[in-house]
Amino acid sequence: MPQHSRVALLSGYRRFRDSHWPEAKAQYEALAADGQRPHTLVVACSDSRADPALIFDAAPGQLFVVRNVANLVPPYEPDGLLHGVSAALEFGVKVLNVRRIMVMGHARCGGVAAMLSGAPADCQDFVAPWVQQGAPVVRRVCEACPPEEVEQVAEEAVVRLSLQNLRTFPWIAEREAAGTLALSGLHFGIADGVLRSLEGPGRFEVME
């Protein structure tokens, strides 16, 4: 199996070099010389089925992507400890001056499922405490849900929680209030390929 994965990766790289690179060479050279200027920072799940760059057909340099289990944004805590998501947010907002932060959840999210029923037994070192930050909110919003709606309601709740936590970062809240930074929430359906957007505090609606 390891050999199979290596072959798959090398094959993909060769297709990139043969098909994509000749047309994109000048663009990559400009990005190398001038630096990146992404317009949007995306907080997305690490799930291999929900790739923001693929979903938005984005070119190199357009998206600054932060991926983690269940697209979670922890609250602002400048305590000197290791905060990978917060570090990416700080760099994206303060250095790259992105104009939008987008939280994108997705269907069939294993991280959100772990918030509802617990992390896998062999993922207690890091996954369990990570998803615990969203568990209380998810379980609360799902208490009155019909069983068939729990999964999607929980995934949407995590997007809302991450947006709420984004606003605890003072330099994000200030820019949003000034109109120089927009925050938005999305949910991607893996099976149907449909992207839905959170409209205000209301429901997620299909994007046209």
C-alpha atoms as a PDB file:
ATOM      1  CA  MET A   1       0.000   0.000   0.000  1.00  0.00           C
ATOM      2  CA  PRO A   2       2.754   2.568   0.737  1.00  0.00           C
ATOM      3  CA  GLN A   3       4.237   1.858  -2.722  1.00  0.00           C
ATOM      4  CA  HIS A   4       0.794   2.308  -4.281  1.00  0.00           C
ATOM      5  CA  SER A   5       0.379   5.726  -2.677  1.00  0.00           C
ATOM      6  CA  ARG A   6       3.848   6.791  -3.854  1.00  0.00           C
ATOM      7  CA  VAL A   7       3.038   5.769  -7.411  1.00  0.00           C
ATOM      8  CA  ALA A   8      -0.240   7.694  -7.269  1.00  0.00           C
ATOM      9  CA  LEU A   9       1.509  10.818  -5.992  1.00  0.00           C
ATOM     10  CA  LEU A  10       4.266  10.654  -8.592  1.00  0.00           C
ATOM     11  CA  SER A  11       1.716  10.124 -11.346  1.00  0.00           C
ATOM     12  CA  GLY A  12      -0.180  13.183 -10.174  1.00  0.00           C
ATOM     13  CA  TYR A  13       3.005  15.232 -10.051  1.00  0.00           C
ATOM     14  CA  ARG A  14       3.892  14.208 -13.601  1.00  0.00           C
ATOM     15  CA  ARG A  15       0.437  15.224 -14.832  1.00  0.00           C
ATOM     16  CA  PHE A  16       0.928  18.570 -13.079  1.00  0.00           C
ATOM     17  CA  ARG A  17       4.269  19.105 -14.774  1.00  0.00           C
ATOM     18  CA  ASP A  18       3.079  17.946 -18.187  1.00  0.00           C
ATOM     19  CA  SER A  19      -0.383  19.479 -18.339  1.00  0.00           C
ATOM     20  CA  HIS A  20      -0.672  22.306 -15.816  1.00  0.00           C
ATOM     21  CA  TRP A  21       2.822  23.692 -15.372  1.00  0.00           C
ATOM     22  CA  PRO A  22       3.480  24.870 -18.955  1.00  0.00           C
ATOM     23  CA  GLU A  23       0.424  27.136 -18.874  1.00  0.00           C
ATOM     24  CA  ALA A  24       0.878  28.241 -15.244  1.00  0.00           C
ATOM     25  CA  LYS A  25       4.665  28.743 -15.285  1.00  0.00           C
ATOM     26  CA  ALA A  26       4.516  32.515 -15.695  1.00  0.00           C
ATOM     27  CA  GLN A  27       1.933  32.794 -12.932  1.00  0.00           C
ATOM     28  CA  TYR A  28       4.050  30.779 -10.496  1.00  0.00           C
ATOM     29  CA  GLU A  29       7.135  32.807 -11.389  1.00  0.00           C
ATOM     30  CA  ALA A  30       5.251  36.027 -10.629  1.00  0.00           C
ATOM     31  CA  LEU A  31       4.024  34.599  -7.315  1.00  0.00           C
ATOM     32  CA  ALA A  32       7.570  33.606  -6.408  1.00  0.00           C
ATOM     33  CA  ALA A  33       8.942  37.039  -7.280  1.00  0.00           C
ATOM     34  CA  ASP A  34       6.147  39.230  -5.916  1.00  0.00           C
ATOM     35  CA  GLY A  35       4.759  37.119  -3.062  1.00  0.00           C
ATOM     36  CA  GLN A  36       1.222  35.986  -2.419  1.00  0.00           C
ATOM     37  CA  ARG A  37      -1.796  38.281  -2.210  1.00  0.00           C
ATOM     38  CA  PRO A  38      -4.767  36.001  -1.462  1.00  0.00           C
ATOM     39  CA  HIS A  39      -8.120  37.714  -1.253  1.00  0.00           C
ATOM     40  CA  THR A  40      -9.705  35.114   1.042  1.00  0.00           C
ATOM     41  CA  LEU A  41      -8.673  33.059   4.054  1.00  0.00           C
ATOM     42  CA  VAL A  42     -10.554  29.764   4.193  1.00  0.00           C
ATOM     43  CA  VAL A  43     -10.932  27.735   7.378  1.00  0.00           C
ATOM     44  CA  ALA A  44     -11.877  24.263   6.173  1.00  0.00           C
ATOM     45  CA  CYS A  45     -11.870  20.689   7.371  1.00  0.00           C
ATOM     46  CA  SER A  46      -8.909  18.398   6.696  1.00  0.00           C
ATOM     47  CA  ASP A  47     -11.303  15.919   5.089  1.00  0.00           C
ATOM     48  CA  SER A  48      -9.868  14.780   1.761  1.00  0.00           C
ATOM     49  CA  ARG A  49     -13.292  15.059   0.085  1.00  0.00           C
ATOM     50  CA  ALA A  50     -13.754  18.801   0.643  1.00  0.00           C
ATOM     51  CA  ASP A  51     -10.870  20.692  -0.936  1.00  0.00           C
ATOM     52  CA  PRO A  52     -11.563  24.464  -1.053  1.00  0.00           C
ATOM     53  CA  ALA A  53      -9.203  25.149  -3.955  1.00  0.00           C
ATOM     54  CA  LEU A  54     -10.939  22.480  -6.035  1.00  0.00           C
ATOM     55  CA  ILE A  55     -14.468  23.520  -5.052  1.00  0.00           C
ATOM     56  CA  PHE A  56     -13.825  27.169  -5.934  1.00  0.00           C
ATOM     57  CA  ASP A  57     -11.630  26.375  -8.940  1.00  0.00           C
ATOM     58  CA  ALA A  58      -9.121  28.776  -7.411  1.00  0.00           C
ATOM     59  CA  ALA A  59      -5.814  29.689  -8.974  1.00  0.00           C
ATOM     60  CA  PRO A  60      -2.564  29.633  -6.999  1.00  0.00           C
ATOM     61  CA  GLY A  61      -2.247  32.695  -4.806  1.00  0.00           C
ATOM     62  CA  GLN A  62      -5.985  33.337  -4.421  1.00  0.00           C
ATOM     63  CA  LEU A  63      -6.810  31.386  -1.246  1.00  0.00           C
ATOM     64  CA  PHE A  64      -4.951  31.187   2.065  1.00  0.00           C
ATOM     65  CA  VAL A  65      -6.259  27.891   3.408  1.00  0.00           C
ATOM     66  CA  VAL A  66      -6.247  26.671   7.016  1.00  0.00           C
ATOM     67  CA  ARG A  67      -7.456  23.096   7.411  1.00  0.00           C
ATOM     68  CA  ASN A  68      -8.060  21.143  10.594  1.00  0.00           C
ATOM     69  CA  VAL A  69     -10.408  18.521  12.003  1.00  0.00           C
ATOM     70  CA  ALA A  70     -13.990  19.872  11.745  1.00  0.00           C
ATOM     71  CA  ASN A  71     -13.025  23.374  10.509  1.00  0.00           C
ATOM     72  CA  LEU A  72     -12.827  24.686  14.065  1.00  0.00           C
ATOM     73  CA  VAL A  73     -11.634  28.120  15.103  1.00  0.00           C
ATOM     74  CA  PRO A  74     -10.732  28.258  18.810  1.00  0.00           C
ATOM     75  CA  PRO A  75     -11.372  31.514  20.671  1.00  0.00           C
ATOM     76  CA  TYR A  76      -8.690  34.198  20.981  1.00  0.00           C
ATOM     77  CA  GLU A  77      -6.161  33.102  23.619  1.00  0.00           C
ATOM     78  CA  PRO A  78      -2.760  34.840  23.354  1.00  0.00           C
ATOM     79  CA  ASP A  79      -1.239  32.741  26.147  1.00  0.00           C
ATOM     80  CA  GLY A  80       2.135  31.924  24.585  1.00  0.00           C
ATOM     81  CA  LEU A  81       1.176  28.318  23.870  1.00  0.00           C
ATOM     82  CA  LEU A  82       1.041  26.670  20.445  1.00  0.00           C
ATOM     83  CA  HIS A  83      -2.004  27.784  18.428  1.00  0.00           C
ATOM     84  CA  GLY A  84      -1.723  26.783  14.786  1.00  0.00           C
ATOM     85  CA  VAL A  85      -5.114  28.076  13.634  1.00  0.00           C
ATOM     86  CA  SER A  86      -4.692  31.380  15.454  1.00  0.00           C
ATOM     87  CA  ALA A  87      -1.196  31.827  14.009  1.00  0.00           C
ATOM     88  CA  ALA A  88      -2.560  31.346  10.493  1.00  0.00           C
ATOM     89  CA  LEU A  89      -5.358  33.816  11.169  1.00  0.00           C
ATOM     90  CA  GLU A  90      -2.916  36.409  12.475  1.00  0.00           C
ATOM     91  CA  PHE A  91      -0.659  36.056   9.453  1.00  0.00           C
ATOM     92  CA  GLY A  92      -3.539  36.061   6.983  1.00  0.00           C
ATOM     93  CA  VAL A  93      -5.237  39.114   8.451  1.00  0.00           C
ATOM     94  CA  LYS A  94      -2.298  41.227   9.622  1.00  0.00           C
ATOM     95  CA  VAL A  95       0.331  40.414   7.005  1.00  0.00           C
ATOM     96  CA  LEU A  96      -1.559  39.264   3.926  1.00  0.00           C
ATOM     97  CA  ASN A  97      -4.492  41.621   4.527  1.00  0.00           C
ATOM     98  CA  VAL A  98      -7.126  39.194   3.293  1.00  0.00           C
ATOM     99  CA  ARG A  99     -10.499  40.783   2.659  1.00  0.00           C
ATOM    100  CA  ARG A 100     -12.641  37.797   3.636  1.00  0.00           C
ATOM    101  CA  ILE A 101     -12.511  34.917   6.096  1.00  0.00           C
ATOM    102  CA  MET A 102     -14.691  32.010   5.110  1.00  0.00           C
ATOM    103  CA  VAL A 103     -15.479  29.022   7.325  1.00  0.00           C
ATOM    104  CA  MET A 104     -16.461  26.018   5.214  1.00  0.00           C
ATOM    105  CA  GLY A 105     -18.013  22.973   6.844  1.00  0.00           C
ATOM    106  CA  HIS A 106     -19.112  19.901   4.937  1.00  0.00           C
ATOM    107  CA  ALA A 107     -21.421  16.904   4.988  1.00  0.00           C
ATOM    108  CA  ARG A 108     -20.444  13.594   6.614  1.00  0.00           C
ATOM    109  CA  CYS A 109     -17.826  15.312   8.790  1.00  0.00           C
ATOM    110  CA  GLY A 110     -16.102  12.779  11.050  1.00  0.00           C
ATOM    111  CA  GLY A 111     -14.937  15.506  13.426  1.00  0.00           C
ATOM    112  CA  VAL A 112     -18.473  16.717  13.987  1.00  0.00           C
ATOM    113  CA  ALA A 113     -19.640  13.125  14.427  1.00  0.00           C
ATOM    114  CA  ALA A 114     -17.013  12.784  17.165  1.00  0.00           C
ATOM    115  CA  MET A 115     -18.529  15.790  18.926  1.00  0.00           C
ATOM    116  CA  LEU A 116     -21.834  13.949  19.046  1.00  0.00           C
ATOM    117  CA  SER A 117     -20.690  10.451  19.951  1.00  0.00           C
ATOM    118  CA  GLY A 118     -17.091  10.764  21.086  1.00  0.00           C
ATOM    119  CA  ALA A 119     -13.739  10.503  19.337  1.00  0.00           C
ATOM    120  CA  PRO A 120     -12.457   7.086  18.222  1.00  0.00           C
ATOM    121  CA  ALA A 121     -10.865   5.106  21.039  1.00  0.00           C
ATOM    122  CA  ASP A 122      -7.410   5.339  19.462  1.00  0.00           C
ATOM    123  CA  CYS A 123      -7.621   9.133  18.931  1.00  0.00           C
ATOM    124  CA  GLN A 124      -7.636  10.317  22.529  1.00  0.00           C
ATOM    125  CA  ASP A 125      -4.345  12.228  22.609  1.00  0.00           C
ATOM    126  CA  PHE A 126      -5.296  15.051  20.269  1.00  0.00           C
ATOM    127  CA  VAL A 127      -8.593  14.488  18.443  1.00  0.00           C
ATOM    128  CA  ALA A 128     -10.682  14.017  21.589  1.00  0.00           C
ATOM    129  CA  PRO A 129      -9.682  17.295  23.280  1.00  0.00           C
ATOM    130  CA  TRP A 130      -9.791  19.150  19.955  1.00  0.00           C
ATOM    131  CA  VAL A 131     -13.385  18.211  19.127  1.00  0.00           C
ATOM    132  CA  GLN A 132     -14.476  18.718  22.725  1.00  0.00           C
ATOM    133  CA  GLN A 133     -14.422  22.480  22.177  1.00  0.00           C
ATOM    134  CA  GLY A 134     -17.413  22.112  19.872  1.00  0.00           C
ATOM    135  CA  ALA A 135     -19.245  19.267  21.606  1.00  0.00           C
ATOM    136  CA  PRO A 136     -21.398  21.279  24.047  1.00  0.00           C
ATOM    137  CA  VAL A 137     -22.777  23.563  21.325  1.00  0.00           C
ATOM    138  CA  VAL A 138     -23.393  20.712  18.909  1.00  0.00           C
ATOM    139  CA  ARG A 139     -25.176  18.547  21.444  1.00  0.00           C
ATOM    140  CA  ARG A 140     -27.336  21.439  22.601  1.00  0.00           C
ATOM    141  CA  VAL A 141     -28.573  22.444  19.143  1.00  0.00           C
ATOM    142  CA  CYS A 142     -29.283  18.818  18.255  1.00  0.00           C
ATOM    143  CA  GLU A 143     -31.374  18.013  21.335  1.00  0.00           C
ATOM    144  CA  ALA A 144     -34.676  18.857  19.660  1.00  0.00           C
ATOM    145  CA  CYS A 145     -33.730  17.735  16.126  1.00  0.00           C
ATOM    146  CA  PRO A 146     -35.356  14.850  14.308  1.00  0.00           C
ATOM    147  CA  PRO A 147     -32.757  12.064  13.929  1.00  0.00           C
ATOM    148  CA  GLU A 148     -32.519  12.558  10.175  1.00  0.00           C
ATOM    149  CA  GLU A 149     -31.502  16.231  10.635  1.00  0.00           C
ATOM    150  CA  VAL A 150     -28.936  15.850  13.409  1.00  0.00           C
ATOM    151  CA  GLU A 151     -25.895  15.421  11.170  1.00  0.00           C
ATOM    152  CA  GLN A 152     -26.476  18.543   9.077  1.00  0.00           C
ATOM    153  CA  VAL A 153     -27.652  20.692  11.997  1.00  0.00           C
ATOM    154  CA  ALA A 154     -24.502  19.733  13.913  1.00  0.00           C
ATOM    155  CA  GLU A 155     -22.240  20.585  10.975  1.00  0.00           C
ATOM    156  CA  GLU A 156     -23.936  23.947  10.547  1.00  0.00           C
ATOM    157  CA  ALA A 157     -23.590  24.636  14.279  1.00  0.00           C
ATOM    158  CA  VAL A 158     -19.821  24.180  14.074  1.00  0.00           C
ATOM    159  CA  VAL A 159     -19.614  26.728  11.258  1.00  0.00           C
ATOM    160  CA  ARG A 160     -21.565  29.196  13.391  1.00  0.00           C
ATOM    161  CA  LEU A 161     -19.340  28.475  16.405  1.00  0.00           C
ATOM    162  CA  SER A 162     -16.191  29.124  14.397  1.00  0.00           C
ATOM    163  CA  LEU A 163     -17.600  32.414  13.115  1.00  0.00           C
ATOM    164  CA  GLN A 164     -18.483  33.378  16.679  1.00  0.00           C
ATOM    165  CA  ASN A 165     -14.956  32.569  17.834  1.00  0.00           C
ATOM    166  CA  LEU A 166     -13.429  34.527  14.953  1.00  0.00           C
ATOM    167  CA  ARG A 167     -15.071  37.635  16.349  1.00  0.00           C
ATOM    168  CA  THR A 168     -13.240  37.177  19.668  1.00  0.00           C
ATOM    169  CA  PHE A 169     -10.003  38.127  17.878  1.00  0.00           C
ATOM    170  CA  PRO A 170      -9.834  41.923  18.356  1.00  0.00           C
ATOM    171  CA  TRP A 171      -8.073  42.609  15.069  1.00  0.00           C
ATOM    172  CA  ILE A 172     -10.704  40.586  13.208  1.00  0.00           C
ATOM    173  CA  ALA A 173     -13.632  42.246  14.984  1.00  0.00           C
ATOM    174  CA  GLU A 174     -12.146  45.697  14.335  1.00  0.00           C
ATOM    175  CA  ARG A 175     -11.714  45.080  10.625  1.00  0.00           C
ATOM    176  CA  GLU A 176     -15.181  43.598  10.292  1.00  0.00           C
ATOM    177  CA  ALA A 177     -16.691  46.635  12.032  1.00  0.00           C
ATOM    178  CA  ALA A 178     -14.726  48.934   9.722  1.00  0.00           C
ATOM    179  CA  GLY A 179     -15.967  47.087   6.647  1.00  0.00           C
ATOM    180  CA  THR A 180     -12.499  46.017   5.492  1.00  0.00           C
ATOM    181  CA  LEU A 181     -12.960  42.342   6.361  1.00  0.00           C
ATOM    182  CA  ALA A 182     -16.021  40.151   5.738  1.00  0.00           C
ATOM    183  CA  LEU A 183     -16.834  36.895   7.502  1.00  0.00           C
ATOM    184  CA  SER A 184     -18.938  34.192   5.905  1.00  0.00           C
ATOM    185  CA  GLY A 185     -20.001  30.611   6.552  1.00  0.00           C
ATOM    186  CA  LEU A 186     -20.514  27.800   4.043  1.00  0.00           C
ATOM    187  CA  HIS A 187     -21.495  24.144   3.999  1.00  0.00           C
ATOM    188  CA  PHE A 188     -20.482  21.783   1.181  1.00  0.00           C
ATOM    189  CA  GLY A 189     -22.479  18.693   0.295  1.00  0.00           C
ATOM    190  CA  ILE A 190     -20.087  15.928  -0.665  1.00  0.00           C
ATOM    191  CA  ALA A 191     -22.657  13.697  -2.359  1.00  0.00           C
ATOM    192  CA  ASP A 192     -24.390  16.429  -4.380  1.00  0.00           C
ATOM    193  CA  GLY A 193     -21.602  18.997  -4.780  1.00  0.00           C
ATOM    194  CA  VAL A 194     -23.922  21.777  -3.594  1.00  0.00           C
ATOM    195  CA  LEU A 195     -22.527  24.713  -1.645  1.00  0.00           C
ATOM    196  CA  ARG A 196     -24.809  26.503   0.801  1.00  0.00           C
ATOM    197  CA  SER A 197     -24.150  29.872   2.400  1.00  0.00           C
ATOM    198  CA  LEU A 198     -25.129  31.117   5.852  1.00  0.00           C
ATOM    199  CA  GLU A 199     -27.300  34.157   5.288  1.00  0.00           C
ATOM    200  CA  GLY A 200     -27.109  36.404   8.336  1.00  0.00           C
ATOM    201  CA  PRO A 201     -28.091  34.608  11.541  1.00  0.00           C
ATOM    202  CA  GLY A 202     -30.616  32.560   9.604  1.00  0.00           C
ATOM    203  CA  ARG A 203     -30.455  29.389   7.575  1.00  0.00           C
ATOM    204  CA  PHE A 204     -27.946  28.073   5.084  1.00  0.00           C
ATOM    205  CA  GLU A 205     -29.202  28.711   1.569  1.00  0.00           C
ATOM    206  CA  VAL A 206     -28.071  27.194  -1.726  1.00  0.00           C
ATOM    207  CA  MET A 207     -25.606  29.390  -3.566  1.00  0.00           C
ATOM    208  CA  GLU A 208     -26.499  30.144  -7.167  1.00  0.00           C
END
